[in-house]
Amino acid sequence: MARFQKGQSGNPRGRPKGVATQQKLRESISKDLPEIIAALTVNAKQGDTTAAKLLMDRVLAPVKPVDPVAQVALSGRPSDAAKGVLEAISKAQVSPDQGVKLISGIASYARILEVDDLLRRVEALEEAKHEKPE
């Protein structure tokens, strides 16, 4: 037999009152934080890689890769622009990740052009329909 019934909460009354929250935990150690950080720093300087990692993870923002600016000609039709991106990738002028992003942008632009073209056609048909006497 299953421990819990399907469709019923395992804790129908919710969290019991008095259970410590993160805020209460933070408040309880806040007065000791300077000493904790100092101890971690001493340990890290002595070669404790766990202490060093903890300090680095909490103090320094993670380094994220930054792509250099891509120099790719994107003029003409979307298919021409996509071809230019592929050529730039093949010549190592653009990273494959940058190329994927550029081609995705070109594809989005092509869809916008298609919608604009369809909208113009529909408007022209509606205008022609209203101009004809019935």
C-alpha atoms as a PDB file:
ATOM      1  CA  MET A   1       0.000   0.000   0.000  1.00  0.00           C
ATOM      2  CA  ALA A   2       1.264   3.473  -0.894  1.00  0.00           C
ATOM      3  CA  ARG A   3       2.482   5.715   1.898  1.00  0.00           C
ATOM      4  CA  PHE A   4       0.486   8.694   0.582  1.00  0.00           C
ATOM      5  CA  GLN A   5      -2.900   8.718  -1.074  1.00  0.00           C
ATOM      6  CA  LYS A   6      -2.940  10.056  -4.626  1.00  0.00           C
ATOM      7  CA  GLY A   7      -4.251  13.610  -4.751  1.00  0.00           C
ATOM      8  CA  GLN A   8      -3.753  14.273  -1.031  1.00  0.00           C
ATOM      9  CA  SER A   9      -1.019  16.404   0.464  1.00  0.00           C
ATOM     10  CA  GLY A  10       1.541  14.652   2.641  1.00  0.00           C
ATOM     11  CA  ASN A  11       1.401  17.663   4.964  1.00  0.00           C
ATOM     12  CA  PRO A  12      -2.173  18.994   4.861  1.00  0.00           C
ATOM     13  CA  ARG A  13      -1.666  21.464   7.737  1.00  0.00           C
ATOM     14  CA  GLY A  14       1.442  23.009   6.174  1.00  0.00           C
ATOM     15  CA  ARG A  15       4.737  23.818   7.851  1.00  0.00           C
ATOM     16  CA  PRO A  16       4.554  23.729  11.644  1.00  0.00           C
ATOM     17  CA  LYS A  17       4.963  27.068  13.414  1.00  0.00           C
ATOM     18  CA  GLY A  18       8.344  27.750  14.878  1.00  0.00           C
ATOM     19  CA  VAL A  19      10.351  26.035  12.145  1.00  0.00           C
ATOM     20  CA  ALA A  20      13.510  28.051  11.429  1.00  0.00           C
ATOM     21  CA  THR A  21      13.490  29.992   8.200  1.00  0.00           C
ATOM     22  CA  GLN A  22      16.496  31.199   6.241  1.00  0.00           C
ATOM     23  CA  GLN A  23      16.061  34.667   7.701  1.00  0.00           C
ATOM     24  CA  LYS A  24      16.229  33.326  11.260  1.00  0.00           C
ATOM     25  CA  LEU A  25      19.364  31.351  10.400  1.00  0.00           C
ATOM     26  CA  ARG A  26      21.001  34.411   8.846  1.00  0.00           C
ATOM     27  CA  GLU A  27      20.176  36.506  11.897  1.00  0.00           C
ATOM     28  CA  SER A  28      21.597  33.881  14.252  1.00  0.00           C
ATOM     29  CA  ILE A  29      25.013  33.821  12.551  1.00  0.00           C
ATOM     30  CA  SER A  30      25.221  37.462  11.467  1.00  0.00           C
ATOM     31  CA  LYS A  31      27.187  38.537  14.554  1.00  0.00           C
ATOM     32  CA  ASP A  32      29.787  35.805  13.894  1.00  0.00           C
ATOM     33  CA  LEU A  33      30.136  36.437  10.151  1.00  0.00           C
ATOM     34  CA  PRO A  34      33.347  38.495  10.323  1.00  0.00           C
ATOM     35  CA  GLU A  35      35.107  35.729  12.287  1.00  0.00           C
ATOM     36  CA  ILE A  36      33.719  33.014   9.990  1.00  0.00           C
ATOM     37  CA  ILE A  37      34.952  34.854   6.913  1.00  0.00           C
ATOM     38  CA  ALA A  38      38.323  35.493   8.543  1.00  0.00           C
ATOM     39  CA  ALA A  39      38.688  31.800   9.429  1.00  0.00           C
ATOM     40  CA  LEU A  40      37.761  30.756   5.901  1.00  0.00           C
ATOM     41  CA  THR A  41      40.295  33.238   4.530  1.00  0.00           C
ATOM     42  CA  VAL A  42      43.051  31.881   6.768  1.00  0.00           C
ATOM     43  CA  ASN A  43      42.197  28.303   5.780  1.00  0.00           C
ATOM     44  CA  ALA A  44      42.098  29.217   2.091  1.00  0.00           C
ATOM     45  CA  LYS A  45      45.521  30.890   2.349  1.00  0.00           C
ATOM     46  CA  GLN A  46      46.875  27.737   3.971  1.00  0.00           C
ATOM     47  CA  GLY A  47      45.778  25.644   0.997  1.00  0.00           C
ATOM     48  CA  ASP A  48      42.267  24.524   1.971  1.00  0.00           C
ATOM     49  CA  THR A  49      40.706  24.376  -1.474  1.00  0.00           C
ATOM     50  CA  THR A  50      37.201  23.865  -0.072  1.00  0.00           C
ATOM     51  CA  ALA A  51      37.462  27.098   1.922  1.00  0.00           C
ATOM     52  CA  ALA A  52      38.920  28.860  -1.124  1.00  0.00           C
ATOM     53  CA  LYS A  53      36.104  27.614  -3.368  1.00  0.00           C
ATOM     54  CA  LEU A  54      33.456  28.653  -0.853  1.00  0.00           C
ATOM     55  CA  LEU A  55      34.928  32.143  -0.609  1.00  0.00           C
ATOM     56  CA  MET A  56      35.313  32.500  -4.362  1.00  0.00           C
ATOM     57  CA  ASP A  57      31.813  31.224  -5.108  1.00  0.00           C
ATOM     58  CA  ARG A  58      30.237  33.607  -2.610  1.00  0.00           C
ATOM     59  CA  VAL A  59      32.382  36.689  -3.111  1.00  0.00           C
ATOM     60  CA  LEU A  60      33.265  36.804  -6.809  1.00  0.00           C
ATOM     61  CA  ALA A  61      30.756  36.737  -9.631  1.00  0.00           C
ATOM     62  CA  PRO A  62      31.309  33.779 -11.958  1.00  0.00           C
ATOM     63  CA  VAL A  63      33.278  34.597 -15.087  1.00  0.00           C
ATOM     64  CA  LYS A  64      31.144  34.211 -18.168  1.00  0.00           C
ATOM     65  CA  PRO A  65      32.590  33.899 -21.650  1.00  0.00           C
ATOM     66  CA  VAL A  66      32.177  36.992 -23.784  1.00  0.00           C
ATOM     67  CA  ASP A  67      32.128  36.645 -27.544  1.00  0.00           C
ATOM     68  CA  PRO A  68      34.132  39.210 -29.481  1.00  0.00           C
ATOM     69  CA  VAL A  69      32.150  41.392 -31.838  1.00  0.00           C
ATOM     70  CA  ALA A  70      31.504  39.522 -35.073  1.00  0.00           C
ATOM     71  CA  GLN A  71      32.450  41.307 -38.284  1.00  0.00           C
ATOM     72  CA  VAL A  72      30.076  39.777 -40.818  1.00  0.00           C
ATOM     73  CA  ALA A  73      28.346  41.516 -43.715  1.00  0.00           C
ATOM     74  CA  LEU A  74      24.623  40.887 -43.339  1.00  0.00           C
ATOM     75  CA  SER A  75      23.295  42.776 -46.342  1.00  0.00           C
ATOM     76  CA  GLY A  76      21.087  41.497 -49.121  1.00  0.00           C
ATOM     77  CA  ARG A  77      18.559  38.723 -48.872  1.00  0.00           C
ATOM     78  CA  PRO A  78      18.400  36.669 -45.655  1.00  0.00           C
ATOM     79  CA  SER A  79      19.752  33.637 -47.525  1.00  0.00           C
ATOM     80  CA  ASP A  80      22.769  35.698 -48.658  1.00  0.00           C
ATOM     81  CA  ALA A  81      23.366  36.878 -45.109  1.00  0.00           C
ATOM     82  CA  ALA A  82      23.170  33.300 -43.775  1.00  0.00           C
ATOM     83  CA  LYS A  83      25.633  32.197 -46.458  1.00  0.00           C
ATOM     84  CA  GLY A  84      27.996  34.989 -45.351  1.00  0.00           C
ATOM     85  CA  VAL A  85      27.772  33.755 -41.757  1.00  0.00           C
ATOM     86  CA  LEU A  86      28.575  30.193 -42.809  1.00  0.00           C
ATOM     87  CA  GLU A  87      31.562  31.424 -44.790  1.00  0.00           C
ATOM     88  CA  ALA A  88      32.760  33.433 -41.772  1.00  0.00           C
ATOM     89  CA  ILE A  89      32.478  30.307 -39.604  1.00  0.00           C
ATOM     90  CA  SER A  90      34.447  28.260 -42.118  1.00  0.00           C
ATOM     91  CA  LYS A  91      37.216  30.903 -42.122  1.00  0.00           C
ATOM     92  CA  ALA A  92      37.250  31.022 -38.286  1.00  0.00           C
ATOM     93  CA  GLN A  93      36.245  34.695 -38.349  1.00  0.00           C
ATOM     94  CA  VAL A  94      33.216  33.844 -36.206  1.00  0.00           C
ATOM     95  CA  SER A  95      32.844  31.080 -33.631  1.00  0.00           C
ATOM     96  CA  PRO A  96      30.257  28.370 -34.332  1.00  0.00           C
ATOM     97  CA  ASP A  97      28.237  29.597 -31.309  1.00  0.00           C
ATOM     98  CA  GLN A  98      28.205  33.135 -32.694  1.00  0.00           C
ATOM     99  CA  GLY A  99      27.238  31.762 -36.093  1.00  0.00           C
ATOM    100  CA  VAL A 100      24.262  29.900 -34.631  1.00  0.00           C
ATOM    101  CA  LYS A 101      23.089  33.082 -32.909  1.00  0.00           C
ATOM    102  CA  LEU A 102      23.512  35.153 -36.060  1.00  0.00           C
ATOM    103  CA  ILE A 103      21.675  32.648 -38.244  1.00  0.00           C
ATOM    104  CA  SER A 104      18.898  32.435 -35.657  1.00  0.00           C
ATOM    105  CA  GLY A 105      18.582  36.216 -35.823  1.00  0.00           C
ATOM    106  CA  ILE A 106      18.533  36.112 -39.615  1.00  0.00           C
ATOM    107  CA  ALA A 107      15.801  33.438 -39.524  1.00  0.00           C
ATOM    108  CA  SER A 108      13.721  35.582 -37.171  1.00  0.00           C
ATOM    109  CA  TYR A 109      14.181  38.560 -39.469  1.00  0.00           C
ATOM    110  CA  ALA A 110      13.126  36.444 -42.470  1.00  0.00           C
ATOM    111  CA  ARG A 111       9.920  35.425 -40.645  1.00  0.00           C
ATOM    112  CA  ILE A 112       9.192  39.091 -39.918  1.00  0.00           C
ATOM    113  CA  LEU A 113       9.643  39.900 -43.615  1.00  0.00           C
ATOM    114  CA  GLU A 114       7.262  37.060 -44.528  1.00  0.00           C
ATOM    115  CA  VAL A 115       4.595  38.352 -42.142  1.00  0.00           C
ATOM    116  CA  ASP A 116       5.017  41.901 -43.475  1.00  0.00           C
ATOM    117  CA  ASP A 117       4.667  40.628 -47.045  1.00  0.00           C
ATOM    118  CA  LEU A 118       1.542  38.617 -46.183  1.00  0.00           C
ATOM    119  CA  LEU A 119       0.046  41.620 -44.403  1.00  0.00           C
ATOM    120  CA  ARG A 120       0.645  43.834 -47.450  1.00  0.00           C
ATOM    121  CA  ARG A 121      -0.974  41.232 -49.701  1.00  0.00           C
ATOM    122  CA  VAL A 122      -4.034  40.877 -47.473  1.00  0.00           C
ATOM    123  CA  GLU A 123      -4.415  44.661 -47.239  1.00  0.00           C
ATOM    124  CA  ALA A 124      -4.164  44.943 -51.042  1.00  0.00           C
ATOM    125  CA  LEU A 125      -6.798  42.219 -51.500  1.00  0.00           C
ATOM    126  CA  GLU A 126      -9.146  43.895 -49.031  1.00  0.00           C
ATOM    127  CA  GLU A 127      -8.654  47.255 -50.667  1.00  0.00           C
ATOM    128  CA  ALA A 128      -9.312  45.768 -54.113  1.00  0.00           C
ATOM    129  CA  LYS A 129     -12.438  44.049 -52.810  1.00  0.00           C
ATOM    130  CA  HIS A 130     -13.844  47.331 -51.438  1.00  0.00           C
ATOM    131  CA  GLU A 131     -13.093  49.228 -54.660  1.00  0.00           C
ATOM    132  CA  LYS A 132     -15.020  46.788 -56.878  1.00  0.00           C
ATOM    133  CA  PRO A 133     -18.743  47.440 -57.209  1.00  0.00           C
ATOM    134  CA  GLU A 134     -20.759  44.416 -56.234  1.00  0.00           C
END
